[in-house]
Protein backbone atom coordinates (compact mmCIF):
# COMPACT_ATOMS: atom_id res chain seq x y z
CA MET A 1 134.18 117.66 4.70
CA ALA A 2 136.48 115.78 7.10
CA LYS A 3 137.77 112.42 5.99
CA ALA A 4 135.74 109.53 7.43
CA SER A 5 137.43 107.61 10.24
CA ARG A 6 138.10 103.88 10.18
CA THR A 7 135.23 103.33 12.61
CA GLN A 8 132.82 105.29 10.42
CA ASN A 9 133.91 103.41 7.31
CA LEU A 10 133.35 100.07 9.01
CA THR A 11 129.95 101.22 10.30
CA GLU A 12 128.93 102.16 6.77
CA ALA A 13 130.19 98.85 5.37
CA LEU A 14 128.06 96.95 7.89
CA ILE A 15 124.97 99.08 7.25
CA ALA A 16 125.27 98.33 3.53
CA LEU A 17 124.74 94.61 4.28
CA ASP A 18 120.95 94.17 4.51
CA SER A 19 121.04 91.78 7.45
CA VAL A 20 117.35 91.73 8.30
CA THR A 21 116.80 89.25 11.14
CA PRO A 22 117.71 86.39 11.21
CA HIS A 23 120.08 86.87 8.28
CA ASP A 24 123.68 87.98 8.79
CA LYS A 25 124.46 88.68 5.11
CA GLY A 26 128.21 88.53 5.60
CA CYS A 27 128.56 90.93 8.53
CA GLN A 28 130.25 88.35 10.71
CA ARG A 29 132.57 87.28 7.88
CA THR A 30 133.67 90.93 7.71
CA LEU A 31 134.41 90.86 11.44
CA ILE A 32 136.30 87.57 11.20
CA GLU A 33 138.54 88.99 8.47
CA LEU A 34 139.44 91.85 10.82
CA LEU A 35 139.79 89.83 14.03
CA GLU A 36 141.81 86.84 12.86
CA PRO A 37 144.90 88.95 11.99
CA LEU A 38 144.76 90.28 15.57
CA GLY A 39 145.14 86.77 16.94
CA PHE A 40 141.50 85.93 17.56
CA ARG A 41 140.39 82.32 17.21
CA CYS A 42 137.04 82.66 15.43
CA GLU A 43 134.29 80.08 15.63
CA THR A 44 131.03 80.22 13.66
CA ILE A 45 128.12 78.57 15.46
CA GLU A 46 125.02 78.05 13.31
CA SER A 47 121.59 77.08 14.58
CA ASN A 48 118.38 76.88 12.52
CA GLY A 49 119.49 79.48 9.99
CA VAL A 50 121.00 81.80 12.59
CA THR A 51 124.70 82.70 12.38
CA ASN A 52 126.65 83.29 15.59
CA LEU A 53 130.28 84.23 16.14
CA TRP A 54 132.45 83.43 19.13
CA ALA A 55 135.91 84.94 18.76
CA ARG A 56 138.55 84.93 21.48
CA ARG A 57 142.07 86.30 21.85
CA GLY A 58 143.99 84.87 24.78
CA THR A 59 143.50 82.00 27.18
CA GLU A 60 143.81 83.65 30.58
CA SER A 61 141.38 85.37 32.93
CA PRO A 62 139.83 87.83 33.26
CA VAL A 63 137.77 87.36 30.10
CA PHE A 64 136.27 90.57 28.69
CA VAL A 65 133.51 90.06 26.11
CA PHE A 66 132.05 92.52 23.62
CA ALA A 67 128.54 91.30 22.73
CA GLY A 68 126.15 92.43 20.05
CA HIS A 69 123.99 91.55 17.08
CA THR A 70 124.38 91.97 13.34
CA ASP A 71 120.68 91.48 12.54
CA VAL A 72 118.40 94.47 12.16
CA VAL A 73 114.64 94.96 12.08
CA PRO A 74 112.94 95.35 8.66
CA SER A 75 113.16 98.78 7.11
CA GLY A 76 109.44 99.36 6.88
CA PRO A 77 108.07 101.30 3.89
CA VAL A 78 111.17 102.15 1.83
CA ASP A 79 109.42 105.09 0.17
CA GLN A 80 109.12 106.79 3.56
CA TRP A 81 112.90 106.84 4.04
CA SER A 82 114.76 109.97 3.03
CA SER A 83 117.44 107.70 1.53
CA GLN A 84 117.66 103.96 0.91
CA PRO A 85 117.77 102.14 4.27
CA PHE A 86 120.77 99.99 3.31
CA ALA A 87 122.65 102.72 1.47
CA PRO A 88 124.53 104.54 4.28
CA THR A 89 124.04 108.25 3.75
CA ILE A 90 125.32 111.29 5.63
CA ARG A 91 123.13 114.38 5.91
CA GLU A 92 123.63 117.29 8.27
CA GLY A 93 126.13 115.45 10.43
CA LYS A 94 124.09 112.25 10.77
CA LEU A 95 124.73 108.82 9.32
CA TYR A 96 121.46 107.30 8.13
CA GLY A 97 120.72 103.63 7.56
CA ARG A 98 118.96 100.68 9.14
CA GLY A 99 121.11 99.48 12.02
CA ALA A 100 123.10 102.71 12.31
CA SER A 101 122.34 102.95 16.04
CA ASP A 102 121.04 99.45 16.65
CA MET A 103 123.76 98.35 16.56
CA LYS A 104 126.26 98.41 13.73
CA ALA A 105 128.03 101.54 14.93
CA SER A 106 128.63 99.79 18.26
CA ILE A 107 130.03 96.69 16.58
CA ALA A 108 132.35 98.77 14.38
CA ALA A 109 133.47 100.76 17.43
CA MET A 110 134.19 97.53 19.33
CA VAL A 111 136.36 96.11 16.55
CA VAL A 112 138.39 99.27 15.99
CA ALA A 113 138.75 99.78 19.76
CA VAL A 114 140.24 96.29 19.99
CA GLU A 115 142.54 96.96 17.03
CA GLU A 116 143.91 100.05 18.77
CA PHE A 117 144.14 98.39 22.17
CA VAL A 118 145.98 95.31 20.88
CA ALA A 119 148.40 97.49 18.90
CA ALA A 120 149.25 99.45 22.05
CA HIS A 121 149.13 96.48 24.46
CA PRO A 122 149.95 93.28 22.57
CA GLY A 123 150.72 91.49 25.82
CA HIS A 124 147.60 92.65 27.65
CA ALA A 125 146.24 90.82 30.66
CA GLY A 126 143.43 88.31 30.37
CA SER A 127 141.46 87.62 27.20
CA ILE A 128 139.21 89.59 24.85
CA ALA A 129 136.26 87.95 23.13
CA PHE A 130 133.35 88.78 20.83
CA LEU A 131 129.91 87.17 21.07
CA ILE A 132 127.92 88.25 18.01
CA THR A 133 124.55 86.90 16.84
CA SER A 134 122.08 87.41 13.98
CA ASP A 135 119.08 86.49 16.17
CA GLU A 136 118.56 89.33 18.63
CA GLU A 137 115.79 91.21 16.85
CA GLY A 138 113.85 88.01 16.19
CA PRO A 139 112.73 85.24 18.58
CA ALA A 140 116.22 85.05 20.12
CA THR A 141 116.04 81.26 20.41
CA ASP A 142 119.05 80.33 18.26
CA GLY A 143 121.44 83.18 18.95
CA THR A 144 123.22 84.32 22.09
CA VAL A 145 121.44 81.75 24.23
CA ILE A 146 122.90 78.92 22.11
CA VAL A 147 126.44 80.31 22.34
CA CYS A 148 126.16 80.76 26.10
CA GLU A 149 124.95 77.18 26.49
CA GLN A 150 127.93 75.89 24.51
CA LEU A 151 130.38 78.02 26.48
CA GLU A 152 128.91 76.71 29.72
CA GLU A 153 129.15 73.11 28.51
CA ARG A 154 132.82 73.67 27.61
CA GLY A 155 133.59 75.29 30.93
CA GLU A 156 134.52 78.64 29.39
CA THR A 157 133.88 81.46 31.81
CA ILE A 158 133.24 85.17 31.25
CA ASP A 159 134.18 87.82 33.79
CA TYR A 160 132.98 91.03 32.12
CA CYS A 161 130.58 91.63 29.26
CA LEU A 162 129.85 94.92 27.52
CA VAL A 163 126.76 94.72 25.28
CA GLY A 164 126.64 97.42 22.60
CA GLU A 165 122.90 98.12 22.81
CA PRO A 166 121.90 101.76 22.18
CA THR A 167 121.38 102.88 25.77
CA SER A 168 122.12 106.60 25.69
CA SER A 169 119.13 108.88 26.09
CA HIS A 170 119.90 112.47 25.10
CA VAL A 171 123.66 112.53 24.55
CA LEU A 172 126.24 109.79 24.20
CA GLY A 173 127.14 108.32 27.57
CA ASP A 174 124.36 109.80 29.69
CA MET A 175 122.87 106.37 30.43
CA ILE A 176 124.04 102.77 30.62
CA LYS A 177 122.02 99.70 31.53
CA ASN A 178 123.16 97.61 34.47
CA GLY A 179 120.16 95.31 34.29
CA ARG A 180 116.83 94.69 32.64
CA ARG A 181 113.40 93.70 33.84
CA GLY A 182 112.05 90.25 33.08
CA SER A 183 109.15 89.75 30.70
CA LEU A 184 106.31 87.31 31.47
CA SER A 185 103.26 87.15 29.19
CA GLY A 186 99.93 85.45 29.68
CA CYS A 187 97.17 84.50 27.26
CA LEU A 188 93.95 84.22 29.26
CA VAL A 189 90.73 82.74 27.87
CA VAL A 190 87.69 83.14 30.11
CA LYS A 191 84.89 80.76 29.17
CA GLY A 192 81.21 81.68 29.12
CA VAL A 193 78.10 80.51 27.35
CA GLN A 194 77.04 82.21 24.12
CA GLY A 195 73.45 83.26 23.83
CA HIS A 196 70.89 85.81 22.74
CA ILE A 197 71.42 89.12 24.45
CA ALA A 198 67.67 89.37 25.19
CA TYR A 199 67.86 86.15 27.26
CA PRO A 200 70.89 86.68 29.53
CA HIS A 201 69.62 84.07 32.01
CA LEU A 202 70.24 81.45 29.32
CA ALA A 203 73.85 82.54 28.74
CA LYS A 204 76.98 83.39 30.72
CA ASN A 205 78.72 86.62 29.72
CA PRO A 206 82.49 86.10 30.14
CA ILE A 207 83.11 89.84 29.92
CA HIS A 208 80.92 90.50 32.95
CA LEU A 209 82.40 87.54 34.79
CA ALA A 210 86.01 88.56 34.15
CA ALA A 211 85.68 92.31 34.74
CA PRO A 212 86.04 92.22 38.56
CA ALA A 213 89.07 89.92 38.33
CA LEU A 214 90.72 92.12 35.70
CA ALA A 215 90.09 95.19 37.86
CA GLU A 216 91.73 93.45 40.81
CA LEU A 217 94.72 92.41 38.70
CA ALA A 218 95.12 95.98 37.45
CA ALA A 219 94.98 97.39 40.99
CA GLU A 220 97.27 94.77 42.55
CA LYS A 221 100.59 95.90 44.01
CA TRP A 222 102.97 93.21 42.87
CA ASP A 223 106.12 94.49 44.59
CA ASP A 224 107.85 97.72 45.60
CA GLY A 225 110.81 97.36 43.26
CA ASN A 226 114.22 98.03 44.79
CA GLU A 227 117.24 100.31 44.51
CA TYR A 228 117.71 99.48 40.84
CA PHE A 229 114.23 98.57 39.57
CA PRO A 230 110.81 100.26 39.54
CA PRO A 231 107.84 98.28 40.89
CA THR A 232 106.66 95.37 38.76
CA SER A 233 104.00 96.35 36.22
CA TRP A 234 101.03 94.27 34.94
CA GLN A 235 99.51 95.55 31.70
CA VAL A 236 96.79 94.31 29.33
CA SER A 237 97.96 94.46 25.70
CA ASN A 238 94.96 92.96 23.88
CA ILE A 239 91.38 92.10 24.78
CA ALA A 240 88.78 90.53 22.49
CA ALA A 241 85.31 89.02 22.71
CA GLY A 242 82.12 88.85 20.69
CA THR A 243 80.97 87.90 17.22
CA GLY A 244 80.59 91.43 15.92
CA ALA A 245 76.81 91.27 16.28
CA THR A 246 75.12 93.53 18.81
CA ASN A 247 72.60 90.95 19.96
CA VAL A 248 74.89 88.06 20.89
CA ILE A 249 76.48 87.41 24.28
CA PRO A 250 79.97 86.07 23.53
CA GLY A 251 81.05 82.60 24.47
CA GLN A 252 84.56 83.56 25.56
CA LEU A 253 86.83 86.48 26.37
CA LYS A 254 90.50 86.51 25.40
CA VAL A 255 92.96 88.74 27.25
CA ASP A 256 96.68 89.10 26.51
CA PHE A 257 98.74 90.64 29.30
CA ASN A 258 102.35 91.12 30.30
CA PHE A 259 104.44 91.56 33.41
CA ARG A 260 107.64 93.57 33.26
CA PHE A 261 109.05 92.41 36.55
CA SER A 262 112.03 93.21 38.70
CA THR A 263 114.34 91.09 40.80
CA ALA A 264 111.93 91.78 43.67
CA SER A 265 109.56 89.16 42.16
CA THR A 266 109.85 85.78 40.47
CA ALA A 267 108.00 84.41 37.47
CA ASP A 268 106.64 81.49 39.51
CA GLY A 269 105.43 83.83 42.23
CA LEU A 270 103.64 86.13 39.79
CA GLU A 271 101.97 83.20 38.04
CA ALA A 272 100.71 81.80 41.34
CA ARG A 273 99.25 85.14 42.42
CA VAL A 274 97.41 85.62 39.10
CA HIS A 275 95.88 82.14 39.34
CA ALA A 276 94.83 82.84 42.93
CA ILE A 277 92.95 85.99 41.89
CA LEU A 278 91.25 84.30 38.94
CA ASP A 279 90.27 81.32 41.10
CA LYS A 280 88.93 83.60 43.83
CA HIS A 281 86.46 85.02 41.31
CA GLY A 282 85.32 81.55 40.30
CA LEU A 283 86.23 81.88 36.64
CA ASP A 284 86.28 79.01 34.17
CA TYR A 285 89.46 79.78 32.26
CA ASP A 286 92.57 78.61 30.43
CA LEU A 287 95.83 80.48 30.89
CA LYS A 288 99.03 79.93 28.90
CA TRP A 289 102.26 81.53 30.08
CA THR A 290 105.33 82.64 28.09
CA LEU A 291 108.50 83.67 29.89
CA SER A 292 110.63 85.75 27.52
CA GLY A 293 113.36 86.48 30.01
CA HIS A 294 114.27 86.63 33.67
CA PRO A 295 115.40 89.95 35.11
CA PHE A 296 119.12 90.46 35.57
CA LEU A 297 121.14 92.95 37.55
CA THR A 298 124.78 93.96 37.78
CA PRO A 299 125.25 96.03 40.95
CA LYS A 300 127.68 98.92 40.88
CA GLY A 301 131.18 97.49 40.68
CA THR A 302 134.29 96.93 38.60
CA LEU A 303 132.71 96.94 35.13
CA SER A 304 130.26 99.78 35.67
CA ASP A 305 133.01 101.86 37.28
CA ALA A 306 135.31 101.21 34.31
CA ILE A 307 132.68 102.22 31.76
CA CYS A 308 131.46 105.26 33.67
CA GLY A 309 135.06 106.38 34.23
CA SER A 310 135.84 105.97 30.54
CA ILE A 311 132.77 108.00 29.57
CA ARG A 312 133.76 110.72 32.01
CA ASP A 313 137.34 110.84 30.73
CA GLU A 314 136.28 110.91 27.07
CA LEU A 315 133.22 113.16 27.21
CA GLY A 316 132.99 114.70 30.67
CA VAL A 317 129.52 113.20 31.05
CA GLN A 318 128.11 111.88 34.33
CA THR A 319 126.45 108.55 33.60
CA GLU A 320 123.17 107.26 35.01
CA LEU A 321 122.76 103.55 35.67
CA SER A 322 119.33 102.36 34.56
CA THR A 323 117.29 99.18 34.18
CA THR A 324 114.54 100.66 32.00
CA GLY A 325 113.56 99.49 28.53
CA GLY A 326 112.80 96.15 26.96
CA THR A 327 114.64 92.87 27.10
CA SER A 328 118.08 92.30 25.59
CA ASP A 329 120.50 89.43 25.08
CA GLY A 330 122.11 90.50 28.32
CA ARG A 331 119.56 88.23 30.03
CA PHE A 332 121.27 85.16 28.52
CA ILE A 333 124.82 86.31 29.14
CA ALA A 334 124.04 87.16 32.78
CA ARG A 335 123.49 83.45 33.44
CA ILE A 336 127.22 82.78 32.89
CA CYS A 337 128.75 86.20 33.57
CA PRO A 338 128.58 88.08 36.88
CA GLN A 339 129.00 91.57 35.38
CA VAL A 340 126.98 92.56 32.29
CA ILE A 341 126.61 96.20 31.27
CA GLU A 342 124.97 97.63 28.14
CA PHE A 343 126.26 100.82 26.58
CA GLY A 344 125.88 102.32 23.14
CA PRO A 345 124.62 105.31 21.12
CA PRO A 346 121.46 107.34 21.68
CA ASN A 347 118.35 105.27 20.99
CA ALA A 348 115.81 107.86 19.87
CA SER A 349 115.75 106.70 16.23
CA ILE A 350 116.11 102.92 16.61
CA HIS A 351 113.56 100.78 14.72
CA LYS A 352 112.20 103.96 13.12
CA ILE A 353 112.12 105.27 9.58
CA ASP A 354 115.38 107.18 8.96
CA GLU A 355 117.33 105.50 11.78
CA HIS A 356 120.60 107.34 12.29
CA ILE A 357 123.58 108.08 14.51
CA GLU A 358 125.29 111.43 14.82
CA VAL A 359 128.70 111.15 13.18
CA ARG A 360 130.29 113.08 16.05
CA TYR A 361 129.50 110.17 18.39
CA ILE A 362 131.07 107.36 16.37
CA ASP A 363 134.71 107.79 17.33
CA PRO A 364 134.08 108.81 20.96
CA LEU A 365 132.09 105.56 21.28
CA LYS A 366 135.12 103.66 20.01
CA ASN A 367 137.39 105.55 22.38
CA ILE A 368 135.19 104.73 25.37
CA TYR A 369 135.27 101.04 24.50
CA ARG A 370 139.08 101.20 24.19
CA ARG A 371 139.44 103.11 27.46
CA THR A 372 137.33 100.45 29.19
CA LEU A 373 139.71 97.75 27.96
CA GLU A 374 142.65 99.83 29.17
CA ARG A 375 141.14 100.11 32.64
CA LEU A 376 140.45 96.39 32.96
CA LEU A 377 143.12 94.56 30.92
CA THR A 378 146.23 96.74 31.00
CA ILE A 379 149.08 95.21 32.95
CA PRO A 380 150.38 97.73 35.53
CA SER A 381 153.93 98.85 34.89
CA ALA A 382 156.73 97.77 37.21
CA ASP A 383 157.25 101.43 38.11
């Protein structure tokens, strides 16, 4: 068996720390101990039990940021794992453990990539920074968003940000994310009048009243999408009414729904159109909205070209730019950074029992991160 690389060893050390969201369990302290000797000024920012790290080397522009999270989702039933979720284990060329792909391998690859880059280019252009949180898998209210707010208040700017989310689909490097859809949820309560099912004229059935409106909402074309995003989607996630008895007309209907929306729509516009449809059908209702994140988009440009070129040079893979998938902390960083790209390992096993990363991808991931730094922060020679 080949000797484990430095990147693999660091990945395993991070996996062994059971940092179930929102707990960091010492992951960021491990990073600080590695970054400070490289000349990084490390700042721990705590908020409501969440630990965040802002570490920066250099004072000049452009500022290149590696962003990620040390928290992981719960393991689920431990007895269903082939090995202990926080005991990194290699079987058949795969490294198993909670967080292996999401996203401790990425964080380890970022740190070692920076070690190698700084050793080769101690006087590199610009600045390198890390923005690491322990609140990405949870509500995401005290993590990256808090750090970005503080950076904005201090006037610190970011030019490029590479988020280490697991974006690859089939093989390492086949897909990166240059944006994400926004997420807007609604909790709709349609009011009726409860009554005996044999006397419908003495009651008002909210299910019957709401059905035409729900059908119209489901059939509505919200937008056409654009070059980077598919059309906006409206989906019902939960629907409930009734007492459980077969002879009672319910007094209310509750419907939970969600928009995954593109930059072709706005949250305010979608809310207004939903209210217009509900009002048109004369419903008596309450509707509470929750905006989890606005959509963001980084058009093809300097950062995406650097990452795609690095993937091509390292692996010979042609990379697809995509905006599919759920939300990420990129939505917060995009408010203060014009170019945000997500790139990391294959995501097929994330959040699952027996999460893993193929060992053969760990060092190429590190090399791609290093190559990206070389493309963006290497000072051209006088020759």
